N, C-alpha and C. Protein backbone atom coordinates (compact mmCIF):
# COMPACT_ATOMS: atom_id res chain seq x y z
N MET A 1 115.29 51.03 138.12
CA MET A 1 116.12 52.10 137.57
C MET A 1 115.98 52.18 136.06
N THR A 2 115.96 50.96 135.46
CA THR A 2 115.87 50.92 134.00
C THR A 2 114.56 51.56 133.52
N THR A 3 113.46 51.25 134.27
CA THR A 3 112.16 51.80 133.90
C THR A 3 112.16 53.32 134.04
N PHE A 4 112.73 53.81 135.15
CA PHE A 4 112.78 55.25 135.40
C PHE A 4 113.61 55.96 134.32
N ALA A 5 114.74 55.34 133.98
CA ALA A 5 115.61 55.91 132.94
C ALA A 5 114.89 55.93 131.60
N GLY A 6 114.11 54.88 131.35
CA GLY A 6 113.35 54.82 130.09
C GLY A 6 112.30 55.91 130.02
N MET A 7 111.65 56.16 131.17
CA MET A 7 110.64 57.21 131.22
C MET A 7 111.27 58.59 130.97
N LYS A 8 112.44 58.78 131.58
CA LYS A 8 113.13 60.06 131.39
C LYS A 8 113.48 60.26 129.92
N LYS A 9 113.93 59.17 129.29
CA LYS A 9 114.31 59.25 127.89
C LYS A 9 113.09 59.55 127.02
N THR A 10 111.97 58.92 127.35
CA THR A 10 110.73 59.14 126.59
C THR A 10 110.26 60.59 126.71
N ILE A 11 110.28 61.09 127.97
CA ILE A 11 109.87 62.48 128.22
C ILE A 11 110.77 63.45 127.46
N PHE A 12 112.07 63.15 127.50
CA PHE A 12 113.02 64.01 126.80
C PHE A 12 112.74 64.04 125.30
N LEU A 13 112.45 62.86 124.73
CA LEU A 13 112.17 62.78 123.31
C LEU A 13 110.89 63.55 122.94
N ILE A 14 109.88 63.45 123.82
CA ILE A 14 108.61 64.16 123.57
C ILE A 14 108.84 65.66 123.58
N VAL A 15 109.55 66.13 124.63
CA VAL A 15 109.82 67.56 124.75
C VAL A 15 110.65 68.05 123.57
N PHE A 16 111.66 67.28 123.21
CA PHE A 16 112.54 67.64 122.09
C PHE A 16 111.75 67.72 120.79
N THR A 17 110.82 66.78 120.61
CA THR A 17 109.99 66.75 119.39
C THR A 17 109.09 67.98 119.33
N ILE A 18 108.47 68.31 120.50
CA ILE A 18 107.59 69.48 120.54
C ILE A 18 108.35 70.75 120.20
N ILE A 19 109.54 70.90 120.80
CA ILE A 19 110.36 72.07 120.52
C ILE A 19 110.76 72.12 119.04
N GLY A 20 111.12 70.95 118.51
CA GLY A 20 111.52 70.88 117.11
C GLY A 20 110.40 71.27 116.17
N VAL A 21 109.19 70.76 116.48
CA VAL A 21 108.03 71.10 115.65
C VAL A 21 107.74 72.60 115.73
N GLY A 22 107.86 73.15 116.92
CA GLY A 22 107.61 74.59 117.09
C GLY A 22 108.58 75.44 116.30
N ILE A 23 109.86 75.09 116.35
CA ILE A 23 110.88 75.83 115.61
C ILE A 23 110.65 75.70 114.11
N THR A 24 110.34 74.49 113.67
CA THR A 24 110.09 74.26 112.25
C THR A 24 108.91 75.09 111.77
N TYR A 25 107.82 75.10 112.56
CA TYR A 25 106.63 75.86 112.17
C TYR A 25 106.95 77.35 112.08
N TYR A 26 107.78 77.85 113.02
CA TYR A 26 108.14 79.27 113.02
C TYR A 26 108.76 79.69 111.69
N TYR A 27 109.61 78.81 111.15
CA TYR A 27 110.33 79.16 109.94
C TYR A 27 109.56 78.86 108.65
N ILE A 28 108.61 77.91 108.72
CA ILE A 28 107.91 77.56 107.47
C ILE A 28 106.50 78.11 107.43
N ARG A 29 106.01 78.72 108.54
CA ARG A 29 104.64 79.23 108.55
C ARG A 29 104.52 80.37 107.54
N PRO A 30 103.33 80.55 106.98
CA PRO A 30 103.13 81.63 106.01
C PRO A 30 103.38 82.98 106.67
N LYS A 31 104.23 83.76 106.06
CA LYS A 31 104.53 85.10 106.57
C LYS A 31 103.57 86.11 105.95
N GLU A 32 103.12 87.07 106.77
CA GLU A 32 102.28 88.13 106.22
C GLU A 32 103.14 89.01 105.32
N LYS A 33 102.59 89.36 104.18
CA LYS A 33 103.33 90.21 103.26
C LYS A 33 103.55 91.59 103.87
N LYS A 34 104.69 92.18 103.53
CA LYS A 34 104.93 93.54 103.97
C LYS A 34 104.01 94.49 103.21
N LEU A 35 103.71 95.60 103.84
CA LEU A 35 102.88 96.60 103.18
C LEU A 35 103.63 97.19 102.00
N PRO A 36 102.93 97.55 100.93
CA PRO A 36 103.60 98.16 99.78
C PRO A 36 104.12 99.55 100.13
N VAL A 37 105.12 99.98 99.41
CA VAL A 37 105.58 101.37 99.48
C VAL A 37 104.94 102.08 98.30
N ILE A 38 104.13 103.10 98.58
CA ILE A 38 103.34 103.75 97.54
C ILE A 38 104.05 104.99 97.02
N ASN A 39 104.21 105.03 95.71
CA ASN A 39 104.88 106.13 95.01
C ASN A 39 103.89 106.84 94.09
N PRO A 40 104.27 108.00 93.53
CA PRO A 40 103.36 108.71 92.63
C PRO A 40 102.81 107.86 91.49
N VAL A 41 103.63 106.94 90.97
CA VAL A 41 103.18 106.11 89.84
C VAL A 41 102.11 105.10 90.27
N ASP A 42 101.94 104.90 91.57
CA ASP A 42 100.96 103.93 92.06
C ASP A 42 99.60 104.56 92.36
N VAL A 43 99.52 105.88 92.24
CA VAL A 43 98.30 106.61 92.60
C VAL A 43 97.62 107.12 91.33
N ASN A 44 96.30 107.26 91.41
CA ASN A 44 95.56 107.86 90.30
C ASN A 44 96.25 109.15 89.85
N GLU A 45 96.60 109.22 88.58
CA GLU A 45 97.37 110.34 88.05
C GLU A 45 96.74 111.69 88.36
N GLU A 46 95.42 111.75 88.38
CA GLU A 46 94.73 113.01 88.64
C GLU A 46 94.85 113.47 90.09
N MET A 47 95.29 112.57 90.97
CA MET A 47 95.44 112.91 92.38
C MET A 47 96.84 113.44 92.70
N VAL A 48 97.73 113.40 91.71
CA VAL A 48 99.12 113.75 91.93
C VAL A 48 99.46 115.06 91.25
N ASP A 49 100.17 115.93 91.95
CA ASP A 49 100.65 117.15 91.35
C ASP A 49 101.48 116.79 90.11
N PRO A 50 101.26 117.46 88.98
CA PRO A 50 101.96 117.11 87.74
C PRO A 50 103.48 117.02 87.89
N GLU A 51 104.04 117.91 88.70
CA GLU A 51 105.49 117.88 88.90
C GLU A 51 105.95 116.59 89.56
N MET A 52 105.09 116.00 90.39
CA MET A 52 105.47 114.80 91.14
C MET A 52 105.42 113.55 90.27
N LEU A 53 104.72 113.62 89.15
CA LEU A 53 104.65 112.46 88.28
C LEU A 53 106.03 112.09 87.73
N ARG A 54 106.92 113.06 87.69
CA ARG A 54 108.27 112.80 87.20
C ARG A 54 109.10 112.01 88.21
N VAL A 55 108.70 112.08 89.47
CA VAL A 55 109.48 111.40 90.52
C VAL A 55 109.40 109.89 90.35
N GLY A 56 108.19 109.40 90.12
CA GLY A 56 108.02 107.96 89.92
C GLY A 56 108.21 107.17 91.18
N TYR A 57 109.46 106.86 91.51
CA TYR A 57 109.76 106.02 92.67
C TYR A 57 110.64 106.78 93.67
N GLY A 58 110.73 106.22 94.87
CA GLY A 58 111.58 106.83 95.90
C GLY A 58 110.95 108.02 96.58
N HIS A 59 109.61 108.14 96.51
CA HIS A 59 108.93 109.30 97.10
C HIS A 59 108.92 109.23 98.63
N THR A 60 109.21 110.37 99.26
CA THR A 60 109.03 110.52 100.71
C THR A 60 108.32 111.85 100.97
N ILE A 61 107.71 111.94 102.14
CA ILE A 61 106.96 113.15 102.50
C ILE A 61 107.92 114.33 102.60
N GLY A 62 107.52 115.46 102.02
CA GLY A 62 108.36 116.65 102.02
C GLY A 62 108.41 117.35 103.38
N ASN A 63 109.25 118.36 103.46
CA ASN A 63 109.39 119.12 104.70
C ASN A 63 108.12 119.91 105.00
N PHE A 64 107.76 119.98 106.26
CA PHE A 64 106.62 120.80 106.68
C PHE A 64 106.81 121.25 108.11
N SER A 65 106.08 122.29 108.47
CA SER A 65 106.13 122.80 109.85
C SER A 65 104.85 123.60 110.10
N PHE A 66 104.05 123.11 111.06
CA PHE A 66 102.79 123.76 111.40
C PHE A 66 102.62 123.76 112.92
N LYS A 67 101.68 124.54 113.40
CA LYS A 67 101.37 124.61 114.83
C LYS A 67 100.19 123.70 115.14
N ASP A 68 100.27 123.01 116.30
CA ASP A 68 99.14 122.18 116.70
C ASP A 68 98.26 122.92 117.69
N GLN A 69 97.28 122.23 118.24
CA GLN A 69 96.29 122.85 119.12
C GLN A 69 96.88 123.44 120.39
N GLU A 70 98.07 123.01 120.76
CA GLU A 70 98.73 123.53 121.96
C GLU A 70 99.83 124.54 121.64
N GLY A 71 99.92 124.90 120.36
CA GLY A 71 100.95 125.85 119.97
C GLY A 71 102.31 125.23 119.75
N ARG A 72 102.37 123.90 119.78
CA ARG A 72 103.64 123.22 119.53
C ARG A 72 103.94 123.20 118.04
N THR A 73 105.21 123.38 117.69
CA THR A 73 105.61 123.27 116.30
C THR A 73 105.81 121.80 115.96
N ILE A 74 105.03 121.33 114.99
CA ILE A 74 105.11 119.93 114.56
C ILE A 74 105.63 119.92 113.12
N SER A 75 106.73 119.24 112.91
CA SER A 75 107.37 119.23 111.61
C SER A 75 107.69 117.80 111.18
N ASN A 76 108.29 117.68 110.01
CA ASN A 76 108.72 116.36 109.56
C ASN A 76 109.78 115.79 110.49
N GLU A 77 110.52 116.65 111.18
CA GLU A 77 111.51 116.17 112.16
C GLU A 77 110.82 115.57 113.38
N THR A 78 109.64 116.10 113.73
CA THR A 78 108.89 115.59 114.87
C THR A 78 108.51 114.13 114.66
N VAL A 79 108.20 113.78 113.43
CA VAL A 79 107.73 112.42 113.13
C VAL A 79 108.81 111.55 112.49
N LYS A 80 110.03 112.03 112.50
CA LYS A 80 111.13 111.23 111.96
C LYS A 80 111.26 109.94 112.75
N ASP A 81 111.37 108.82 112.06
CA ASP A 81 111.49 107.49 112.66
C ASP A 81 110.23 107.05 113.40
N LYS A 82 109.12 107.73 113.15
CA LYS A 82 107.85 107.36 113.78
C LYS A 82 106.83 106.97 112.71
N ILE A 83 105.93 106.07 113.08
CA ILE A 83 104.79 105.74 112.24
C ILE A 83 103.71 106.78 112.50
N TYR A 84 103.06 107.27 111.44
CA TYR A 84 101.98 108.22 111.70
C TYR A 84 100.86 108.10 110.66
N VAL A 85 99.69 108.55 111.09
CA VAL A 85 98.50 108.55 110.24
C VAL A 85 98.09 109.99 110.00
N VAL A 86 97.74 110.30 108.76
CA VAL A 86 97.38 111.66 108.35
C VAL A 86 95.94 111.71 107.88
N GLU A 87 95.28 112.81 108.20
CA GLU A 87 93.97 113.12 107.63
C GLU A 87 93.90 114.61 107.35
N TYR A 88 93.00 115.00 106.44
CA TYR A 88 92.68 116.40 106.21
C TYR A 88 91.21 116.59 106.54
N PHE A 89 90.90 117.63 107.32
CA PHE A 89 89.53 117.84 107.80
C PHE A 89 89.33 119.32 108.08
N PHE A 90 88.14 119.72 108.54
CA PHE A 90 87.93 121.06 109.09
C PHE A 90 86.87 120.98 110.17
N THR A 91 87.02 121.82 111.18
CA THR A 91 86.22 121.68 112.41
C THR A 91 84.74 121.94 112.20
N THR A 92 84.38 122.73 111.20
CA THR A 92 82.96 123.06 110.99
C THR A 92 82.28 122.09 110.03
N CYS A 93 83.00 121.08 109.57
CA CYS A 93 82.43 120.09 108.66
C CYS A 93 81.34 119.29 109.35
N LYS A 94 80.21 119.14 108.69
CA LYS A 94 79.08 118.40 109.26
C LYS A 94 78.80 117.10 108.50
N SER A 95 79.62 116.80 107.52
CA SER A 95 79.36 115.61 106.72
C SER A 95 80.30 114.48 107.10
N ILE A 96 81.44 114.33 106.39
CA ILE A 96 82.30 113.17 106.63
C ILE A 96 83.25 113.34 107.81
N CYS A 97 83.62 114.57 108.15
CA CYS A 97 84.65 114.78 109.19
C CYS A 97 84.28 114.21 110.56
N PRO A 98 83.06 114.42 111.05
CA PRO A 98 82.71 113.82 112.34
C PRO A 98 82.84 112.30 112.34
N VAL A 99 82.47 111.67 111.23
CA VAL A 99 82.60 110.21 111.13
C VAL A 99 84.08 109.82 111.12
N MET A 100 84.87 110.56 110.34
CA MET A 100 86.31 110.27 110.26
C MET A 100 86.99 110.40 111.61
N ASN A 101 86.67 111.46 112.32
CA ASN A 101 87.36 111.65 113.59
C ASN A 101 86.85 110.72 114.68
N LYS A 102 85.64 110.22 114.54
CA LYS A 102 85.17 109.17 115.44
C LYS A 102 85.99 107.90 115.20
N GLU A 103 86.26 107.60 113.91
CA GLU A 103 87.09 106.44 113.59
C GLU A 103 88.54 106.67 114.02
N MET A 104 89.03 107.91 113.86
CA MET A 104 90.40 108.21 114.27
C MET A 104 90.56 108.08 115.78
N GLN A 105 89.49 108.32 116.51
CA GLN A 105 89.54 108.11 117.96
C GLN A 105 89.88 106.66 118.29
N ARG A 106 89.41 105.73 117.47
CA ARG A 106 89.74 104.31 117.67
C ARG A 106 91.24 104.08 117.50
N VAL A 107 91.81 104.75 116.51
CA VAL A 107 93.26 104.65 116.30
C VAL A 107 94.00 105.22 117.50
N HIS A 108 93.53 106.35 117.98
CA HIS A 108 94.16 107.00 119.13
C HIS A 108 94.05 106.14 120.39
N GLU A 109 92.90 105.51 120.57
CA GLU A 109 92.70 104.66 121.74
C GLU A 109 93.67 103.48 121.75
N GLN A 110 93.98 102.95 120.57
CA GLN A 110 94.85 101.79 120.50
C GLN A 110 96.33 102.15 120.56
N PHE A 111 96.70 103.30 119.99
CA PHE A 111 98.13 103.63 119.89
C PHE A 111 98.49 104.96 120.56
N GLY A 112 97.56 105.53 121.30
CA GLY A 112 97.79 106.83 121.91
C GLY A 112 98.94 106.88 122.90
N ASP A 113 99.29 105.76 123.49
CA ASP A 113 100.38 105.73 124.47
C ASP A 113 101.70 105.28 123.87
N ASP A 114 101.72 105.07 122.57
CA ASP A 114 102.93 104.61 121.90
C ASP A 114 103.82 105.81 121.55
N PRO A 115 105.01 105.92 122.13
CA PRO A 115 105.88 107.07 121.85
C PRO A 115 106.39 107.13 120.42
N ASP A 116 106.26 106.02 119.68
CA ASP A 116 106.75 105.97 118.30
C ASP A 116 105.62 106.07 117.29
N PHE A 117 104.50 106.66 117.72
CA PHE A 117 103.34 106.80 116.85
C PHE A 117 102.74 108.19 116.99
N ARG A 118 102.21 108.73 115.88
CA ARG A 118 101.57 110.04 115.89
C ARG A 118 100.35 110.03 114.97
N ILE A 119 99.41 110.94 115.26
CA ILE A 119 98.29 111.24 114.36
C ILE A 119 98.40 112.71 114.00
N LEU A 120 98.36 113.02 112.70
CA LEU A 120 98.41 114.40 112.24
C LEU A 120 97.12 114.72 111.50
N SER A 121 96.33 115.61 112.08
CA SER A 121 95.08 116.05 111.47
C SER A 121 95.26 117.48 110.96
N PHE A 122 95.41 117.62 109.66
CA PHE A 122 95.63 118.93 109.03
C PHE A 122 94.30 119.57 108.66
N THR A 123 94.12 120.84 109.01
CA THR A 123 92.91 121.53 108.60
C THR A 123 93.00 121.95 107.13
N VAL A 124 91.85 122.00 106.46
CA VAL A 124 91.79 122.55 105.10
C VAL A 124 91.16 123.93 105.13
N ASP A 125 90.83 124.40 106.33
CA ASP A 125 90.22 125.72 106.50
C ASP A 125 90.93 126.48 107.61
N PRO A 126 92.21 126.84 107.40
CA PRO A 126 92.98 127.47 108.47
C PRO A 126 92.47 128.84 108.88
N GLN A 127 91.72 129.52 108.00
CA GLN A 127 91.19 130.82 108.36
C GLN A 127 90.20 130.70 109.52
N THR A 128 89.42 129.64 109.51
CA THR A 128 88.47 129.38 110.61
C THR A 128 89.13 128.61 111.74
N ASP A 129 89.94 127.64 111.38
CA ASP A 129 90.52 126.73 112.37
C ASP A 129 91.80 127.30 112.98
N THR A 130 91.61 128.23 113.89
CA THR A 130 92.72 128.81 114.64
C THR A 130 93.21 127.80 115.68
N GLN A 131 94.31 128.14 116.32
CA GLN A 131 94.84 127.26 117.37
C GLN A 131 93.79 127.05 118.46
N GLU A 132 93.09 128.11 118.83
CA GLU A 132 92.07 128.01 119.88
C GLU A 132 90.92 127.11 119.45
N LYS A 133 90.52 127.25 118.20
CA LYS A 133 89.43 126.41 117.69
C LYS A 133 89.85 124.94 117.65
N MET A 134 91.10 124.71 117.28
CA MET A 134 91.61 123.34 117.23
C MET A 134 91.72 122.75 118.64
N MET A 135 92.08 123.57 119.61
CA MET A 135 92.17 123.09 120.98
C MET A 135 90.82 122.63 121.49
N GLN A 136 89.79 123.42 121.20
CA GLN A 136 88.45 123.04 121.63
C GLN A 136 87.99 121.78 120.93
N TYR A 137 88.30 121.67 119.65
CA TYR A 137 87.93 120.48 118.88
C TYR A 137 88.62 119.24 119.46
N ALA A 138 89.89 119.39 119.80
CA ALA A 138 90.64 118.28 120.40
C ALA A 138 90.00 117.86 121.73
N LYS A 139 89.63 118.83 122.56
CA LYS A 139 88.99 118.52 123.83
C LYS A 139 87.67 117.79 123.61
N ASP A 140 86.91 118.25 122.62
CA ASP A 140 85.62 117.63 122.33
C ASP A 140 85.78 116.18 121.88
N HIS A 141 86.96 115.84 121.41
CA HIS A 141 87.23 114.47 120.94
C HIS A 141 88.07 113.68 121.93
N GLY A 142 88.13 114.18 123.16
CA GLY A 142 88.79 113.44 124.22
C GLY A 142 90.31 113.37 124.11
N VAL A 143 90.89 114.35 123.44
CA VAL A 143 92.35 114.36 123.28
C VAL A 143 92.96 115.22 124.39
N ASP A 144 93.68 114.59 125.29
CA ASP A 144 94.26 115.29 126.43
C ASP A 144 95.46 116.12 126.01
N LYS A 145 95.80 117.09 126.84
CA LYS A 145 96.97 117.92 126.60
C LYS A 145 98.22 117.05 126.60
N GLY A 146 99.10 117.31 125.66
CA GLY A 146 100.34 116.54 125.57
C GLY A 146 100.21 115.24 124.81
N ALA A 147 99.03 114.97 124.24
CA ALA A 147 98.80 113.71 123.53
C ALA A 147 99.56 113.70 122.20
N ASN A 148 99.62 112.51 121.60
CA ASN A 148 100.33 112.39 120.33
C ASN A 148 99.41 112.55 119.11
N TRP A 149 98.23 113.13 119.33
CA TRP A 149 97.31 113.46 118.24
C TRP A 149 97.37 114.97 118.05
N HIS A 150 97.91 115.42 116.92
CA HIS A 150 98.14 116.83 116.66
C HIS A 150 97.15 117.36 115.63
N PHE A 151 96.40 118.40 116.01
CA PHE A 151 95.49 119.07 115.10
C PHE A 151 96.22 120.31 114.57
N LEU A 152 96.56 120.30 113.29
CA LEU A 152 97.52 121.26 112.75
C LEU A 152 96.87 122.33 111.88
N THR A 153 97.34 123.56 112.06
CA THR A 153 96.87 124.69 111.28
C THR A 153 98.05 125.55 110.87
N GLY A 154 97.81 126.40 109.87
CA GLY A 154 98.89 127.26 109.38
C GLY A 154 98.51 127.89 108.07
N ASN A 155 99.51 128.15 107.24
CA ASN A 155 99.30 128.79 105.95
C ASN A 155 98.57 127.84 104.99
N LYS A 156 97.50 128.35 104.38
CA LYS A 156 96.67 127.49 103.51
C LYS A 156 97.46 126.94 102.33
N ASP A 157 98.23 127.80 101.67
CA ASP A 157 98.99 127.34 100.51
C ASP A 157 99.93 126.20 100.87
N LYS A 158 100.58 126.32 102.03
CA LYS A 158 101.52 125.28 102.46
C LYS A 158 100.79 124.00 102.85
N LEU A 159 99.64 124.14 103.50
CA LEU A 159 98.85 122.97 103.86
C LEU A 159 98.39 122.21 102.62
N TYR A 160 97.91 122.97 101.62
CA TYR A 160 97.40 122.35 100.41
C TYR A 160 98.53 121.77 99.56
N ASN A 161 99.65 122.48 99.51
CA ASN A 161 100.79 121.97 98.73
C ASN A 161 101.27 120.64 99.30
N LEU A 162 101.30 120.53 100.62
CA LEU A 162 101.71 119.28 101.26
C LEU A 162 100.74 118.15 100.92
N ALA A 163 99.45 118.48 100.93
CA ALA A 163 98.43 117.46 100.61
C ALA A 163 98.60 116.95 99.18
N ARG A 164 98.97 117.85 98.27
CA ARG A 164 98.99 117.50 96.85
C ARG A 164 100.33 116.96 96.36
N THR A 165 101.43 117.38 97.00
CA THR A 165 102.75 116.95 96.52
C THR A 165 103.39 115.89 97.41
N SER A 166 102.80 115.64 98.58
CA SER A 166 103.37 114.64 99.49
C SER A 166 102.41 113.51 99.79
N PHE A 167 101.18 113.84 100.21
CA PHE A 167 100.24 112.81 100.63
C PHE A 167 99.30 112.35 99.52
N PHE A 168 99.19 113.12 98.45
CA PHE A 168 98.37 112.77 97.29
C PHE A 168 96.91 112.48 97.67
N VAL A 169 96.28 113.44 98.33
CA VAL A 169 94.88 113.27 98.73
C VAL A 169 93.94 114.16 97.92
N LEU A 170 94.43 114.67 96.80
CA LEU A 170 93.59 115.49 95.94
C LEU A 170 92.62 114.62 95.17
N LYS A 171 91.32 114.93 95.27
CA LYS A 171 90.33 114.22 94.48
C LYS A 171 90.36 114.76 93.05
N PRO A 172 90.19 113.89 92.06
CA PRO A 172 90.21 114.36 90.67
C PRO A 172 89.27 115.53 90.41
N ALA A 173 88.09 115.52 91.02
CA ALA A 173 87.12 116.59 90.79
C ALA A 173 87.59 117.93 91.34
N GLU A 174 88.56 117.91 92.27
CA GLU A 174 89.05 119.15 92.87
C GLU A 174 90.20 119.76 92.08
N ALA A 175 90.79 118.99 91.18
CA ALA A 175 92.00 119.43 90.48
C ALA A 175 91.79 120.71 89.68
N GLU A 176 90.61 120.87 89.08
CA GLU A 176 90.37 122.03 88.22
C GLU A 176 90.31 123.33 89.00
N ASN A 177 90.17 123.26 90.35
CA ASN A 177 90.06 124.47 91.16
C ASN A 177 91.35 124.86 91.88
N ILE A 178 92.44 124.18 91.57
CA ILE A 178 93.71 124.50 92.23
C ILE A 178 94.08 125.95 91.95
N GLY A 179 94.33 126.68 93.04
CA GLY A 179 94.73 128.08 92.92
C GLY A 179 93.59 129.03 92.62
N ASN A 180 92.35 128.53 92.66
CA ASN A 180 91.19 129.33 92.30
C ASN A 180 90.48 129.88 93.53
N GLY A 181 91.21 130.56 94.39
CA GLY A 181 90.63 131.24 95.54
C GLY A 181 89.80 130.34 96.43
N ASP A 182 88.57 130.82 96.75
CA ASP A 182 87.69 130.07 97.64
C ASP A 182 87.21 128.76 97.01
N GLU A 183 87.31 128.65 95.69
CA GLU A 183 86.89 127.42 95.03
C GLU A 183 87.92 126.30 95.22
N ASP A 184 89.13 126.70 95.61
CA ASP A 184 90.21 125.73 95.83
C ASP A 184 90.01 125.12 97.21
N PHE A 185 89.58 123.87 97.24
CA PHE A 185 89.23 123.25 98.53
C PHE A 185 89.51 121.75 98.46
N ILE A 186 89.99 121.21 99.57
CA ILE A 186 90.26 119.77 99.67
C ILE A 186 89.24 119.16 100.63
N HIS A 187 88.60 118.09 100.21
CA HIS A 187 87.63 117.43 101.08
C HIS A 187 87.75 115.92 100.86
N THR A 188 88.70 115.31 101.53
CA THR A 188 89.00 113.91 101.30
C THR A 188 88.64 113.05 102.51
N ASN A 189 88.24 111.83 102.25
CA ASN A 189 87.93 110.89 103.32
C ASN A 189 89.10 109.95 103.60
N ASN A 190 90.23 110.18 102.94
CA ASN A 190 91.36 109.27 103.08
C ASN A 190 92.16 109.48 104.36
N PHE A 191 92.51 108.37 105.00
CA PHE A 191 93.56 108.35 106.01
C PHE A 191 94.82 107.83 105.30
N VAL A 192 95.97 108.43 105.60
CA VAL A 192 97.21 108.03 104.95
C VAL A 192 98.16 107.49 106.01
N LEU A 193 98.68 106.30 105.79
CA LEU A 193 99.62 105.67 106.72
C LEU A 193 101.05 105.90 106.21
N VAL A 194 101.90 106.45 107.07
CA VAL A 194 103.27 106.78 106.70
C VAL A 194 104.23 106.10 107.67
N ASP A 195 105.33 105.57 107.14
CA ASP A 195 106.27 104.86 108.01
C ASP A 195 107.37 105.79 108.53
N GLY A 196 108.29 105.24 109.31
CA GLY A 196 109.34 106.02 109.94
C GLY A 196 110.33 106.63 108.98
N GLU A 197 110.31 106.18 107.73
CA GLU A 197 111.20 106.74 106.71
C GLU A 197 110.49 107.78 105.85
N GLY A 198 109.25 108.12 106.24
CA GLY A 198 108.50 109.11 105.48
C GLY A 198 107.91 108.59 104.19
N ARG A 199 107.69 107.28 104.10
CA ARG A 199 107.12 106.67 102.89
C ARG A 199 105.65 106.34 103.13
N ILE A 200 104.82 106.54 102.12
CA ILE A 200 103.40 106.20 102.21
C ILE A 200 103.26 104.69 102.10
N ARG A 201 102.52 104.09 103.06
CA ARG A 201 102.35 102.64 103.07
C ARG A 201 100.91 102.19 102.91
N GLY A 202 99.97 103.15 102.91
CA GLY A 202 98.59 102.74 102.70
C GLY A 202 97.62 103.89 102.74
N TYR A 203 96.47 103.70 102.02
CA TYR A 203 95.35 104.63 102.05
C TYR A 203 94.12 103.88 102.56
N TYR A 204 93.29 104.56 103.37
CA TYR A 204 92.14 103.92 103.99
C TYR A 204 90.97 104.89 104.03
N ASP A 205 89.80 104.40 103.78
CA ASP A 205 88.59 105.22 103.85
C ASP A 205 88.27 105.47 105.33
N GLY A 206 88.45 106.71 105.75
CA GLY A 206 88.25 107.06 107.16
C GLY A 206 86.82 107.05 107.62
N THR A 207 85.87 106.85 106.68
CA THR A 207 84.46 106.75 107.07
C THR A 207 84.01 105.30 107.20
N SER A 208 84.93 104.36 106.96
CA SER A 208 84.59 102.94 106.96
C SER A 208 85.23 102.22 108.14
N LYS A 209 84.41 101.62 109.00
CA LYS A 209 84.93 100.87 110.13
C LYS A 209 85.82 99.72 109.66
N LYS A 210 85.39 99.05 108.59
CA LYS A 210 86.17 97.94 108.06
C LYS A 210 87.54 98.39 107.59
N GLU A 211 87.58 99.54 106.90
CA GLU A 211 88.86 100.07 106.42
C GLU A 211 89.77 100.48 107.57
N VAL A 212 89.17 101.06 108.59
CA VAL A 212 89.97 101.49 109.74
C VAL A 212 90.45 100.28 110.55
N ASP A 213 89.66 99.20 110.57
CA ASP A 213 90.13 97.94 111.16
C ASP A 213 91.40 97.48 110.45
N LYS A 214 91.40 97.60 109.12
CA LYS A 214 92.59 97.22 108.35
C LYS A 214 93.76 98.14 108.67
N LEU A 215 93.48 99.42 108.84
CA LEU A 215 94.52 100.38 109.21
C LEU A 215 95.16 99.98 110.54
N LEU A 216 94.35 99.63 111.52
CA LEU A 216 94.87 99.21 112.82
C LEU A 216 95.78 97.99 112.68
N HIS A 217 95.35 97.07 111.84
CA HIS A 217 96.14 95.86 111.58
C HIS A 217 97.46 96.22 110.90
N ASP A 218 97.39 97.13 109.93
CA ASP A 218 98.59 97.49 109.17
C ASP A 218 99.59 98.27 110.01
N ILE A 219 99.09 99.06 110.96
CA ILE A 219 100.00 99.76 111.88
C ILE A 219 100.81 98.73 112.67
N GLU A 220 100.16 97.69 113.11
CA GLU A 220 100.86 96.63 113.82
C GLU A 220 101.92 95.96 112.93
N LEU A 221 101.59 95.75 111.66
CA LEU A 221 102.55 95.18 110.71
C LEU A 221 103.78 96.07 110.59
N LEU A 222 103.54 97.38 110.48
CA LEU A 222 104.66 98.31 110.36
C LEU A 222 105.54 98.30 111.61
N LYS A 223 104.92 98.17 112.75
CA LYS A 223 105.66 98.14 114.01
C LYS A 223 106.59 96.92 114.07
N GLU A 224 106.20 95.86 113.36
CA GLU A 224 107.01 94.63 113.37
C GLU A 224 108.15 94.67 112.36
N GLU A 225 108.06 95.59 111.39
CA GLU A 225 109.12 95.64 110.36
C GLU A 225 110.46 96.07 110.96
């Protein structure tokens, strides 16, 4: 009996020690840093609308409302409390856009079934990119009806204003053409990660597999916050 009792005590001590070590490690293990909250002061000044430079801190994405490929109205209320990734593209682009949307397909494959996640692909050429054109483009990229990947079109001025005053995706070289008719054009390779509070949490080169790998990782970090 004494031997059996001793064995039980030993086993108990081993189990207790293992549990104790596990709990201790949980609390002292290195924690991954939270993603930064990006404000106008953190971005290249030439990429920010001059009026927004006064904001400095506390920036959130402004109000918007556009139609997606299925005719659904997608607004800032649609993505409230949701994590989402933004890009600007156009369907007839033959340079960076096909590469970007191939990478965005990876994002969609990983998070496409998550009800708290969205992808917003805004056109920079709404005159060409009608709802019908966007629907075909979505189909060509394997986006099923009712998916959480929205290809958005609408008024050009509103699309561009949102890009410049909310997402800050204006390239310095494009700044001189603002408001200059057909010369006014946005062509960015940036993906923008936005959290459920409408705050920018990261920029990623949408043509880079390595950068998009980081984006996938950072989405997971945001989900844990």
